[in-house]
Amino acid sequence: KQAISAFLLQRLMGFGSINTAIRWLRELRRAMAS
């Protein structure tokens, strides 16, 4: 309902690095902006 942070997405998806979650959120936000 609100938003999701990179740390929360990393825990939910099981990423080994926080940089992966940050990159994914940036790309999805770019799609939302369009």
PDB file of all heavy atoms in Angstrom:
ATOM      1  N   LYS A   1       0.822  -1.218   0.000  1.00  0.00           N
ATOM      2  CA  LYS A   1       0.000   0.000   0.000  1.00  0.00           C
ATOM      3  C   LYS A   1       0.849   1.257   0.000  1.00  0.00           C
ATOM      4  O   LYS A   1       0.505   2.245  -0.666  1.00  0.00           O
ATOM      5  CB  LYS A   1      -0.935  -0.004   1.215  1.00  0.00           C
ATOM      6  CG  LYS A   1      -1.890   1.178   1.240  1.00  0.00           C
ATOM      7  CD  LYS A   1      -2.843   1.089   2.414  1.00  0.00           C
ATOM      8  CE  LYS A   1      -3.804   2.275   2.428  1.00  0.00           C
ATOM      9  NZ  LYS A   1      -4.735   2.228   3.586  1.00  0.00           N
ATOM     10  N   GLN A   2       1.947   1.264   0.718  1.00  0.00           N
ATOM     11  CA  GLN A   2       2.783   2.450   0.814  1.00  0.00           C
ATOM     12  C   GLN A   2       3.912   2.393  -0.215  1.00  0.00           C
ATOM     13  O   GLN A   2       3.822   2.951  -1.276  1.00  0.00           O
ATOM     14  CB  GLN A   2       3.353   2.570   2.239  1.00  0.00           C
ATOM     15  CG  GLN A   2       2.299   2.737   3.316  1.00  0.00           C
ATOM     16  CD  GLN A   2       1.525   4.026   3.185  1.00  0.00           C
ATOM     17  OE1 GLN A   2       2.070   5.049   2.798  1.00  0.00           O
ATOM     18  NE2 GLN A   2       0.247   3.981   3.508  1.00  0.00           N
ATOM     19  N   ALA A   3       4.958   1.705   0.100  1.00  0.00           N
ATOM     20  CA  ALA A   3       6.108   1.540  -0.786  1.00  0.00           C
ATOM     21  C   ALA A   3       6.952   0.411  -0.207  1.00  0.00           C
ATOM     22  O   ALA A   3       6.694  -0.075   0.897  1.00  0.00           O
ATOM     23  CB  ALA A   3       6.920   2.828  -0.902  1.00  0.00           C
ATOM     24  N   ILE A   4       7.959  -0.003  -0.942  1.00  0.00           N
ATOM     25  CA  ILE A   4       8.817  -1.080  -0.500  1.00  0.00           C
ATOM     26  C   ILE A   4      10.264  -0.617  -0.624  1.00  0.00           C
ATOM     27  O   ILE A   4      10.652  -0.036  -1.641  1.00  0.00           O
ATOM     28  CB  ILE A   4       8.563  -2.360  -1.322  1.00  0.00           C
ATOM     29  CG1 ILE A   4       9.394  -3.523  -0.794  1.00  0.00           C
ATOM     30  CG2 ILE A   4       8.799  -2.135  -2.790  1.00  0.00           C
ATOM     31  CD1 ILE A   4       9.026  -4.856  -1.409  1.00  0.00           C
ATOM     32  N   SER A   5      11.029  -0.849   0.391  1.00  0.00           N
ATOM     33  CA  SER A   5      12.423  -0.426   0.394  1.00  0.00           C
ATOM     34  C   SER A   5      13.296  -1.519  -0.211  1.00  0.00           C
ATOM     35  O   SER A   5      12.881  -2.675  -0.359  1.00  0.00           O
ATOM     36  CB  SER A   5      12.891  -0.111   1.816  1.00  0.00           C
ATOM     37  OG  SER A   5      12.850  -1.276   2.628  1.00  0.00           O
ATOM     38  N   ALA A   6      14.529  -1.153  -0.529  1.00  0.00           N
ATOM     39  CA  ALA A   6      15.453  -2.122  -1.124  1.00  0.00           C
ATOM     40  C   ALA A   6      15.817  -3.216  -0.119  1.00  0.00           C
ATOM     41  O   ALA A   6      15.990  -4.383  -0.498  1.00  0.00           O
ATOM     42  CB  ALA A   6      16.705  -1.412  -1.623  1.00  0.00           C
ATOM     43  N   PHE A   7      15.933  -2.876   1.160  1.00  0.00           N
ATOM     44  CA  PHE A   7      16.255  -3.882   2.178  1.00  0.00           C
ATOM     45  C   PHE A   7      15.126  -4.906   2.315  1.00  0.00           C
ATOM     46  O   PHE A   7      15.378  -6.102   2.453  1.00  0.00           O
ATOM     47  CB  PHE A   7      16.522  -3.205   3.526  1.00  0.00           C
ATOM     48  CG  PHE A   7      17.794  -2.422   3.563  1.00  0.00           C
ATOM     49  CD1 PHE A   7      17.779  -1.036   3.453  1.00  0.00           C
ATOM     50  CD2 PHE A   7      19.010  -3.069   3.701  1.00  0.00           C
ATOM     51  CE1 PHE A   7      18.954  -0.309   3.479  1.00  0.00           C
ATOM     52  CE2 PHE A   7      20.197  -2.349   3.735  1.00  0.00           C
ATOM     53  CZ  PHE A   7      20.168  -0.972   3.619  1.00  0.00           C
ATOM     54  N   LEU A   8      13.884  -4.443   2.259  1.00  0.00           N
ATOM     55  CA  LEU A   8      12.761  -5.365   2.354  1.00  0.00           C
ATOM     56  C   LEU A   8      12.675  -6.252   1.119  1.00  0.00           C
ATOM     57  O   LEU A   8      12.427  -7.460   1.223  1.00  0.00           O
ATOM     58  CB  LEU A   8      11.455  -4.583   2.538  1.00  0.00           C
ATOM     59  CG  LEU A   8      10.170  -5.423   2.617  1.00  0.00           C
ATOM     60  CD1 LEU A   8      10.269  -6.434   3.754  1.00  0.00           C
ATOM     61  CD2 LEU A   8       8.959  -4.528   2.791  1.00  0.00           C
ATOM     62  N   LEU A   9      12.882  -5.679  -0.062  1.00  0.00           N
ATOM     63  CA  LEU A   9      12.855  -6.490  -1.280  1.00  0.00           C
ATOM     64  C   LEU A   9      13.982  -7.521  -1.281  1.00  0.00           C
ATOM     65  O   LEU A   9      13.796  -8.653  -1.741  1.00  0.00           O
ATOM     66  CB  LEU A   9      12.967  -5.586  -2.511  1.00  0.00           C
ATOM     67  CG  LEU A   9      12.870  -6.295  -3.871  1.00  0.00           C
ATOM     68  CD1 LEU A   9      11.502  -6.929  -4.040  1.00  0.00           C
ATOM     69  CD2 LEU A   9      13.157  -5.325  -5.011  1.00  0.00           C
ATOM     70  N   GLN A  10      15.137  -7.157  -0.757  1.00  0.00           N
ATOM     71  CA  GLN A  10      16.244  -8.110  -0.682  1.00  0.00           C
ATOM     72  C   GLN A  10      15.890  -9.300   0.207  1.00  0.00           C
ATOM     73  O   GLN A  10      16.183 -10.455  -0.139  1.00  0.00           O
ATOM     74  CB  GLN A  10      17.493  -7.415  -0.147  1.00  0.00           C
ATOM     75  CG  GLN A  10      18.715  -8.328  -0.051  1.00  0.00           C
ATOM     76  CD  GLN A  10      19.851  -7.694   0.724  1.00  0.00           C
ATOM     77  OE1 GLN A  10      19.665  -6.692   1.401  1.00  0.00           O
ATOM     78  NE2 GLN A  10      21.033  -8.278   0.615  1.00  0.00           N
ATOM     79  N   ARG A  11      15.232  -9.042   1.330  1.00  0.00           N
ATOM     80  CA  ARG A  11      14.847 -10.144   2.215  1.00  0.00           C
ATOM     81  C   ARG A  11      13.756 -11.005   1.590  1.00  0.00           C
ATOM     82  O   ARG A  11      13.781 -12.235   1.718  1.00  0.00           O
ATOM     83  CB  ARG A  11      14.368  -9.588   3.557  1.00  0.00           C
ATOM     84  CG  ARG A  11      15.475  -8.964   4.390  1.00  0.00           C
ATOM     85  CD  ARG A  11      15.032  -8.786   5.826  1.00  0.00           C
ATOM     86  NE  ARG A  11      13.915  -7.856   5.935  1.00  0.00           N
ATOM     87  CZ  ARG A  11      14.040  -6.559   6.140  1.00  0.00           C
ATOM     88  NH1 ARG A  11      15.245  -6.019   6.243  1.00  0.00           N
ATOM     89  NH2 ARG A  11      12.968  -5.791   6.236  1.00  0.00           N
ATOM     90  N   LEU A  12      12.807 -10.383   0.912  1.00  0.00           N
ATOM     91  CA  LEU A  12      11.714 -11.148   0.317  1.00  0.00           C
ATOM     92  C   LEU A  12      12.184 -12.017  -0.841  1.00  0.00           C
ATOM     93  O   LEU A  12      11.715 -13.145  -1.010  1.00  0.00           O
ATOM     94  CB  LEU A  12      10.609 -10.195  -0.160  1.00  0.00           C
ATOM     95  CG  LEU A  12       9.829  -9.445   0.924  1.00  0.00           C
ATOM     96  CD1 LEU A  12       8.885  -8.440   0.286  1.00  0.00           C
ATOM     97  CD2 LEU A  12       9.052 -10.423   1.792  1.00  0.00           C
ATOM     98  N   MET A  13      13.103 -11.491  -1.652  1.00  0.00           N
ATOM     99  CA  MET A  13      13.560 -12.210  -2.839  1.00  0.00           C
ATOM    100  C   MET A  13      14.787 -13.064  -2.580  1.00  0.00           C
ATOM    101  O   MET A  13      15.161 -13.886  -3.419  1.00  0.00           O
ATOM    102  CB  MET A  13      13.867 -11.210  -3.960  1.00  0.00           C
ATOM    103  CG  MET A  13      12.710 -10.281  -4.304  1.00  0.00           C
ATOM    104  SD  MET A  13      11.202 -11.165  -4.741  1.00  0.00           S
ATOM    105  CE  MET A  13      11.739 -12.048  -6.182  1.00  0.00           C
ATOM    106  N   GLY A  14      15.444 -12.873  -1.454  1.00  0.00           N
ATOM    107  CA  GLY A  14      16.620 -13.662  -1.138  1.00  0.00           C
ATOM    108  C   GLY A  14      17.848 -13.291  -1.944  1.00  0.00           C
ATOM    109  O   GLY A  14      18.692 -14.156  -2.234  1.00  0.00           O
ATOM    110  N   PHE A  15      17.994 -12.013  -2.303  1.00  0.00           N
ATOM    111  CA  PHE A  15      19.161 -11.571  -3.055  1.00  0.00           C
ATOM    112  C   PHE A  15      20.400 -11.601  -2.161  1.00  0.00           C
ATOM    113  O   PHE A  15      20.337 -11.275  -0.977  1.00  0.00           O
ATOM    114  CB  PHE A  15      18.962 -10.159  -3.600  1.00  0.00           C
ATOM    115  CG  PHE A  15      17.882 -10.066  -4.636  1.00  0.00           C
ATOM    116  CD1 PHE A  15      17.093  -8.927  -4.739  1.00  0.00           C
ATOM    117  CD2 PHE A  15      17.646 -11.103  -5.515  1.00  0.00           C
ATOM    118  CE1 PHE A  15      16.098  -8.828  -5.693  1.00  0.00           C
ATOM    119  CE2 PHE A  15      16.646 -11.024  -6.477  1.00  0.00           C
ATOM    120  CZ  PHE A  15      15.871  -9.893  -6.558  1.00  0.00           C
ATOM    121  N   GLY A  16      21.530 -11.940  -2.770  1.00  0.00           N
ATOM    122  CA  GLY A  16      22.763 -11.937  -2.014  1.00  0.00           C
ATOM    123  C   GLY A  16      23.343 -10.559  -1.808  1.00  0.00           C
ATOM    124  O   GLY A  16      24.133 -10.340  -0.894  1.00  0.00           O
ATOM    125  N   SER A  17      22.944  -9.603  -2.659  1.00  0.00           N
ATOM    126  CA  SER A  17      23.474  -8.243  -2.569  1.00  0.00           C
ATOM    127  C   SER A  17      22.330  -7.241  -2.587  1.00  0.00           C
ATOM    128  O   SER A  17      21.321  -7.427  -3.284  1.00  0.00           O
ATOM    129  CB  SER A  17      24.431  -7.957  -3.734  1.00  0.00           C
ATOM    130  OG  SER A  17      24.825  -6.598  -3.746  1.00  0.00           O
ATOM    131  N   ILE A  18      22.505  -6.168  -1.824  1.00  0.00           N
ATOM    132  CA  ILE A  18      21.506  -5.105  -1.809  1.00  0.00           C
ATOM    133  C   ILE A  18      21.490  -4.354  -3.125  1.00  0.00           C
ATOM    134  O   ILE A  18      20.471  -3.755  -3.504  1.00  0.00           O
ATOM    135  CB  ILE A  18      21.782  -4.142  -0.632  1.00  0.00           C
ATOM    136  CG1 ILE A  18      20.649  -3.127  -0.459  1.00  0.00           C
ATOM    137  CG2 ILE A  18      23.106  -3.427  -0.820  1.00  0.00           C
ATOM    138  CD1 ILE A  18      19.341  -3.721  -0.085  1.00  0.00           C
ATOM    139  N   ASN A  19      22.595  -4.378  -3.872  1.00  0.00           N
ATOM    140  CA  ASN A  19      22.659  -3.657  -5.139  1.00  0.00           C
ATOM    141  C   ASN A  19      21.684  -4.202  -6.165  1.00  0.00           C
ATOM    142  O   ASN A  19      21.164  -3.456  -7.003  1.00  0.00           O
ATOM    143  CB  ASN A  19      24.085  -3.709  -5.700  1.00  0.00           C
ATOM    144  CG  ASN A  19      25.071  -2.975  -4.819  1.00  0.00           C
ATOM    145  OD1 ASN A  19      24.721  -2.010  -4.160  1.00  0.00           O
ATOM    146  ND2 ASN A  19      26.313  -3.434  -4.793  1.00  0.00           N
ATOM    147  N   THR A  20      21.407  -5.503  -6.115  1.00  0.00           N
ATOM    148  CA  THR A  20      20.428  -6.084  -7.034  1.00  0.00           C
ATOM    149  C   THR A  20      19.041  -5.537  -6.762  1.00  0.00           C
ATOM    150  O   THR A  20      18.309  -5.173  -7.688  1.00  0.00           O
ATOM    151  CB  THR A  20      20.430  -7.616  -6.908  1.00  0.00           C
ATOM    152  OG1 THR A  20      21.741  -8.114  -7.140  1.00  0.00           O
ATOM    153  CG2 THR A  20      19.479  -8.231  -7.919  1.00  0.00           C
ATOM    154  N   ALA A  21      18.658  -5.463  -5.502  1.00  0.00           N
ATOM    155  CA  ALA A  21      17.343  -4.920  -5.148  1.00  0.00           C
ATOM    156  C   ALA A  21      17.241  -3.450  -5.517  1.00  0.00           C
ATOM    157  O   ALA A  21      16.199  -2.992  -6.003  1.00  0.00           O
ATOM    158  CB  ALA A  21      17.082  -5.118  -3.658  1.00  0.00           C
ATOM    159  N   ILE A  22      18.308  -2.690  -5.317  1.00  0.00           N
ATOM    160  CA  ILE A  22      18.295  -1.268  -5.663  1.00  0.00           C
ATOM    161  C   ILE A  22      18.117  -1.096  -7.165  1.00  0.00           C
ATOM    162  O   ILE A  22      17.321  -0.263  -7.628  1.00  0.00           O
ATOM    163  CB  ILE A  22      19.592  -0.597  -5.184  1.00  0.00           C
ATOM    164  CG1 ILE A  22      19.648  -0.578  -3.647  1.00  0.00           C
ATOM    165  CG2 ILE A  22      19.710   0.821  -5.730  1.00  0.00           C
ATOM    166  CD1 ILE A  22      20.952  -0.047  -3.100  1.00  0.00           C
ATOM    167  N   ARG A  23      18.837  -1.874  -7.968  1.00  0.00           N
ATOM    168  CA  ARG A  23      18.734  -1.759  -9.416  1.00  0.00           C
ATOM    169  C   ARG A  23      17.344  -2.140  -9.906  1.00  0.00           C
ATOM    170  O   ARG A  23      16.763  -1.465 -10.767  1.00  0.00           O
ATOM    171  CB  ARG A  23      19.783  -2.655 -10.089  1.00  0.00           C
ATOM    172  CG  ARG A  23      19.693  -2.695 -11.619  1.00  0.00           C
ATOM    173  CD  ARG A  23      20.090  -1.356 -12.206  1.00  0.00           C
ATOM    174  NE  ARG A  23      19.826  -1.292 -13.627  1.00  0.00           N
ATOM    175  CZ  ARG A  23      20.675  -1.689 -14.581  1.00  0.00           C
ATOM    176  NH1 ARG A  23      21.849  -2.192 -14.242  1.00  0.00           N
ATOM    177  NH2 ARG A  23      20.368  -1.572 -15.850  1.00  0.00           N
ATOM    178  N   TRP A  24      16.778  -3.207  -9.359  1.00  0.00           N
ATOM    179  CA  TRP A  24      15.439  -3.628  -9.780  1.00  0.00           C
ATOM    180  C   TRP A  24      14.389  -2.569  -9.454  1.00  0.00           C
ATOM    181  O   TRP A  24      13.519  -2.276 -10.274  1.00  0.00           O
ATOM    182  CB  TRP A  24      15.089  -4.956  -9.103  1.00  0.00           C
ATOM    183  CG  TRP A  24      15.734  -6.140  -9.740  1.00  0.00           C
ATOM    184  CD1 TRP A  24      16.937  -6.172 -10.390  1.00  0.00           C
ATOM    185  CD2 TRP A  24      15.238  -7.481  -9.777  1.00  0.00           C
ATOM    186  NE1 TRP A  24      17.209  -7.440 -10.819  1.00  0.00           N
ATOM    187  CE2 TRP A  24      16.194  -8.268 -10.458  1.00  0.00           C
ATOM    188  CE3 TRP A  24      14.095  -8.096  -9.286  1.00  0.00           C
ATOM    189  CZ2 TRP A  24      16.022  -9.632 -10.673  1.00  0.00           C
ATOM    190  CZ3 TRP A  24      13.926  -9.465  -9.489  1.00  0.00           C
ATOM    191  CH2 TRP A  24      14.866 -10.216 -10.176  1.00  0.00           C
ATOM    192  N   LEU A  25      14.468  -1.998  -8.262  1.00  0.00           N
ATOM    193  CA  LEU A  25      13.499  -0.970  -7.895  1.00  0.00           C
ATOM    194  C   LEU A  25      13.636   0.260  -8.774  1.00  0.00           C
ATOM    195  O   LEU A  25      12.630   0.875  -9.159  1.00  0.00           O
ATOM    196  CB  LEU A  25      13.684  -0.592  -6.423  1.00  0.00           C
ATOM    197  CG  LEU A  25      13.257  -1.640  -5.391  1.00  0.00           C
ATOM    198  CD1 LEU A  25      13.556  -1.152  -3.990  1.00  0.00           C
ATOM    199  CD2 LEU A  25      11.784  -1.973  -5.534  1.00  0.00           C
ATOM    200  N   ARG A  26      14.849   0.622  -9.135  1.00  0.00           N
ATOM    201  CA  ARG A  26      15.037   1.773 -10.017  1.00  0.00           C
ATOM    202  C   ARG A  26      14.429   1.521 -11.394  1.00  0.00           C
ATOM    203  O   ARG A  26      13.780   2.401 -11.969  1.00  0.00           O
ATOM    204  CB  ARG A  26      16.523   2.082 -10.156  1.00  0.00           C
ATOM    205  CG  ARG A  26      17.151   2.710  -8.932  1.00  0.00           C
ATOM    206  CD  ARG A  26      18.653   2.832  -9.110  1.00  0.00           C
ATOM    207  NE  ARG A  26      19.299   3.379  -7.923  1.00  0.00           N
ATOM    208  CZ  ARG A  26      20.619   3.417  -7.751  1.00  0.00           C
ATOM    209  NH1 ARG A  26      21.418   2.936  -8.681  1.00  0.00           N
ATOM    210  NH2 ARG A  26      21.124   3.933  -6.651  1.00  0.00           N
ATOM    211  N   GLU A  27      14.620   0.320 -11.925  1.00  0.00           N
ATOM    212  CA  GLU A  27      14.086   0.010 -13.243  1.00  0.00           C
ATOM    213  C   GLU A  27      12.561  -0.050 -13.231  1.00  0.00           C
ATOM    214  O   GLU A  27      11.906   0.436 -14.161  1.00  0.00           O
ATOM    215  CB  GLU A  27      14.666  -1.327 -13.729  1.00  0.00           C
ATOM    216  CG  GLU A  27      16.160  -1.295 -13.974  1.00  0.00           C
ATOM    217  CD  GLU A  27      16.535  -0.292 -15.049  1.00  0.00           C
ATOM    218  OE1 GLU A  27      15.934  -0.327 -16.131  1.00  0.00           O
ATOM    219  OE2 GLU A  27      17.421   0.538 -14.796  1.00  0.00           O
ATOM    220  N   LEU A  28      11.984  -0.620 -12.197  1.00  0.00           N
ATOM    221  CA  LEU A  28      10.526  -0.695 -12.117  1.00  0.00           C
ATOM    222  C   LEU A  28       9.916   0.683 -11.884  1.00  0.00           C
ATOM    223  O   LEU A  28       8.841   0.992 -12.415  1.00  0.00           O
ATOM    224  CB  LEU A  28      10.115  -1.658 -11.002  1.00  0.00           C
ATOM    225  CG  LEU A  28      10.480  -3.131 -11.233  1.00  0.00           C
ATOM    226  CD1 LEU A  28      10.066  -3.981 -10.044  1.00  0.00           C
ATOM    227  CD2 LEU A  28       9.837  -3.659 -12.509  1.00  0.00           C
ATOM    228  N   ARG A  29      10.582   1.529 -11.117  1.00  0.00           N
ATOM    229  CA  ARG A  29      10.078   2.897 -10.943  1.00  0.00           C
ATOM    230  C   ARG A  29      10.163   3.672 -12.252  1.00  0.00           C
ATOM    231  O   ARG A  29       9.315   4.523 -12.533  1.00  0.00           O
ATOM    232  CB  ARG A  29      10.876   3.618  -9.854  1.00  0.00           C
ATOM    233  CG  ARG A  29      10.626   3.094  -8.445  1.00  0.00           C
ATOM    234  CD  ARG A  29      11.223   4.022  -7.418  1.00  0.00           C
ATOM    235  NE  ARG A  29      11.196   3.441  -6.082  1.00  0.00           N
ATOM    236  CZ  ARG A  29      12.267   2.996  -5.439  1.00  0.00           C
ATOM    237  NH1 ARG A  29      13.460   3.087  -6.014  1.00  0.00           N
ATOM    238  NH2 ARG A  29      12.157   2.481  -4.232  1.00  0.00           N
ATOM    239  N   ARG A  30      11.178   3.405 -13.048  1.00  0.00           N
ATOM    240  CA  ARG A  30      11.284   4.054 -14.352  1.00  0.00           C
ATOM    241  C   ARG A  30      10.121   3.652 -15.264  1.00  0.00           C
ATOM    242  O   ARG A  30       9.609   4.478 -16.031  1.00  0.00           O
ATOM    243  CB  ARG A  30      12.624   3.697 -14.983  1.00  0.00           C
ATOM    244  CG  ARG A  30      12.997   4.511 -16.207  1.00  0.00           C
ATOM    245  CD  ARG A  30      14.489   4.407 -16.474  1.00  0.00           C
ATOM    246  NE  ARG A  30      14.906   3.041 -16.701  1.00  0.00           N
ATOM    247  CZ  ARG A  30      14.942   2.465 -17.906  1.00  0.00           C
ATOM    248  NH1 ARG A  30      14.586   3.152 -18.976  1.00  0.00           N
ATOM    249  NH2 ARG A  30      15.350   1.220 -18.038  1.00  0.00           N
ATOM    250  N   ALA A  31       9.697   2.404 -15.171  1.00  0.00           N
ATOM    251  CA  ALA A  31       8.533   1.957 -15.935  1.00  0.00           C
ATOM    252  C   ALA A  31       7.257   2.605 -15.415  1.00  0.00           C
ATOM    253  O   ALA A  31       6.368   2.979 -16.193  1.00  0.00           O
ATOM    254  CB  ALA A  31       8.429   0.436 -15.877  1.00  0.00           C
ATOM    255  N   MET A  32       7.144   2.766 -14.100  1.00  0.00           N
ATOM    256  CA  MET A  32       5.974   3.432 -13.534  1.00  0.00           C
ATOM    257  C   MET A  32       5.893   4.882 -13.972  1.00  0.00           C
ATOM    258  O   MET A  32       4.808   5.412 -14.259  1.00  0.00           O
ATOM    259  CB  MET A  32       6.020   3.352 -12.011  1.00  0.00           C
ATOM    260  CG  MET A  32       5.796   1.978 -11.440  1.00  0.00           C
ATOM    261  SD  MET A  32       5.899   1.994  -9.633  1.00  0.00           S
ATOM    262  CE  MET A  32       5.494   0.290  -9.260  1.00  0.00           C
ATOM    263  N   ALA A  33       7.036   5.550 -14.039  1.00  0.00           N
ATOM    264  CA  ALA A  33       7.053   6.959 -14.452  1.00  0.00           C
ATOM    265  C   ALA A  33       6.548   7.126 -15.877  1.00  0.00           C
ATOM    266  O   ALA A  33       5.885   8.118 -16.201  1.00  0.00           O
ATOM    267  CB  ALA A  33       8.462   7.524 -14.323  1.00  0.00           C
ATOM    268  N   SER A  34       6.839   6.170 -16.756  1.00  0.00           N
ATOM    269  CA  SER A  34       6.348   6.266 -18.138  1.00  0.00           C
ATOM    270  C   SER A  34       4.840   6.164 -18.206  1.00  0.00           C
ATOM    271  O   SER A  34       4.210   6.766 -19.088  1.00  0.00           O
ATOM    272  CB  SER A  34       6.990   5.162 -18.982  1.00  0.00           C
ATOM    273  OG  SER A  34       6.571   3.875 -18.551  1.00  0.00           O
TER     274      SER A  34
END
